[in-house]
């Protein structure tokens, strides 16, 4: 899997009153993921990323009942100033779904092998 956070130089960026909170960013990301990708793909802890615009970045992961967190499948960004989601492209969504399906299939294989 490609490095999910490519070519980012972390500098000292601190949240301020003009940024949405990390919790609100995560809720917005989870709403977007549920509506556009899958009910089972969730956003992880937000990390503030410098740039124009400053954004909250979260890795996304597959979470399955009975297994909990299964696999990291991608990432999603939220504009820290406006709270808008940076929409995922169709190829990004397909890649996330493909990673999730592969992870779920490996669970099924593992469970069948131990039965």
Protein backbone atom coordinates (compact mmCIF):
# COMPACT_ATOMS: atom_id res chain seq x y z
CA UNK A 1 0.00 0.00 0.00
CA UNK A 2 1.25 3.46 -0.86
CA UNK A 3 2.25 5.75 1.94
CA UNK A 4 -1.07 7.36 2.85
CA UNK A 5 0.42 10.66 3.94
CA UNK A 6 2.88 11.41 1.15
CA UNK A 7 5.32 14.31 0.96
CA UNK A 8 4.07 16.18 3.99
CA UNK A 9 6.45 18.18 6.10
CA UNK A 10 4.95 18.63 9.52
CA UNK A 11 5.56 22.06 10.96
CA UNK A 12 4.25 23.69 14.07
CA UNK A 13 0.57 24.37 13.39
CA UNK A 14 -1.66 24.78 16.39
CA UNK A 15 -5.45 24.86 16.30
CA UNK A 16 -6.87 28.31 16.86
CA UNK A 17 -10.33 29.79 17.22
CA UNK A 18 -10.73 30.12 13.45
CA UNK A 19 -10.38 26.33 12.99
CA UNK A 20 -13.14 23.82 13.55
CA UNK A 21 -12.43 21.38 16.36
CA UNK A 22 -10.82 18.02 15.67
CA UNK A 23 -13.97 16.30 16.97
CA UNK A 24 -16.21 18.23 14.57
CA UNK A 25 -13.81 17.42 11.73
CA UNK A 26 -14.04 13.71 12.58
CA UNK A 27 -17.86 13.83 12.72
CA UNK A 28 -17.97 15.53 9.30
CA UNK A 29 -15.56 12.95 7.89
CA UNK A 30 -17.60 10.05 9.29
CA UNK A 31 -20.80 11.52 7.83
CA UNK A 32 -19.17 11.84 4.43
CA UNK A 33 -17.71 8.32 4.59
CA UNK A 34 -21.08 6.82 5.57
CA UNK A 35 -22.90 8.63 2.76
CA UNK A 36 -20.30 8.15 0.02
CA UNK A 37 -18.09 5.16 0.80
CA UNK A 38 -19.36 2.66 3.37
CA UNK A 39 -21.09 2.47 6.73
CA UNK A 40 -18.15 0.34 7.92
CA UNK A 41 -15.35 2.78 7.08
CA UNK A 42 -14.57 5.28 9.84
CA UNK A 43 -12.23 8.23 10.37
CA UNK A 44 -9.37 8.00 12.85
CA UNK A 45 -7.84 10.73 15.06
CA UNK A 46 -7.46 14.02 13.14
CA UNK A 47 -4.02 15.51 12.56
CA UNK A 48 -3.66 19.18 11.65
CA UNK A 49 -1.80 19.58 8.34
CA UNK A 50 -0.20 22.91 7.39
CA UNK A 51 -0.80 24.41 3.99
CA UNK A 52 -3.27 26.54 2.15
CA UNK A 53 -5.78 25.75 3.34
CA UNK A 54 -4.89 24.17 6.68
CA UNK A 55 -6.68 20.84 6.90
CA UNK A 56 -7.54 18.13 9.33
CA UNK A 57 -6.35 14.78 7.95
CA UNK A 58 -7.60 11.45 9.19
CA UNK A 59 -6.68 7.96 8.15
CA UNK A 60 -9.73 5.86 7.45
CA UNK A 61 -10.20 2.31 8.61
CA UNK A 62 -12.52 -0.64 8.22
CA UNK A 63 -14.41 -1.45 11.41
CA UNK A 64 -16.44 -4.64 11.60
CA UNK A 65 -18.72 -5.88 14.34
CA UNK A 66 -17.07 -8.70 16.22
CA UNK A 67 -13.62 -7.72 14.94
CA UNK A 68 -13.31 -4.01 15.76
CA UNK A 69 -10.72 -2.13 13.76
CA UNK A 70 -9.60 -4.35 10.90
CA UNK A 71 -7.43 -2.37 8.46
CA UNK A 72 -6.42 1.13 7.39
CA UNK A 73 -7.93 1.81 3.97
CA UNK A 74 -7.11 5.42 3.07
CA UNK A 75 -7.41 8.98 4.31
CA UNK A 76 -9.78 11.93 4.21
CA UNK A 77 -9.21 15.68 4.60
CA UNK A 78 -11.43 18.39 6.08
CA UNK A 79 -10.78 22.12 5.59
CA UNK A 80 -9.88 23.30 9.10
CA UNK A 81 -11.25 26.79 8.45
CA UNK A 82 -14.58 26.03 6.77
CA UNK A 83 -15.29 22.47 7.86
CA UNK A 84 -15.87 21.39 4.28
CA UNK A 85 -14.87 17.88 3.26
CA UNK A 86 -12.36 17.63 0.42
CA UNK A 87 -14.39 15.23 -1.73
CA UNK A 88 -12.83 11.89 -2.57
CA UNK A 89 -12.54 11.07 -6.26
CA UNK A 90 -14.23 7.98 -7.69
CA UNK A 91 -10.83 6.21 -7.97
CA UNK A 92 -10.04 7.05 -4.31
CA UNK A 93 -13.40 5.65 -3.20
CA UNK A 94 -12.87 2.52 -5.31
CA UNK A 95 -9.41 2.05 -3.80
CA UNK A 96 -10.76 2.39 -0.25
CA UNK A 97 -13.55 -0.09 -0.97
CA UNK A 98 -11.07 -2.50 -2.57
CA UNK A 99 -8.78 -2.40 0.47
CA UNK A 100 -11.76 -2.92 2.78
CA UNK A 101 -13.04 -5.86 0.74
CA UNK A 102 -9.59 -7.48 0.71
CA UNK A 103 -9.26 -7.06 4.48
CA UNK A 104 -12.73 -8.51 5.08
CA UNK A 105 -12.02 -11.43 2.76
CA UNK A 106 -8.82 -12.23 4.65
CA UNK A 107 -10.86 -12.36 7.87
CA UNK A 108 -13.30 -14.81 6.33
CA UNK A 109 -10.37 -16.94 5.13
CA UNK A 110 -8.73 -16.84 8.56
CA UNK A 111 -11.96 -17.81 10.31
CA UNK A 112 -12.59 -20.68 7.88
CA UNK A 113 -9.02 -21.94 8.29
CA UNK A 114 -9.36 -22.13 12.09
CA UNK A 115 -12.76 -23.89 12.05
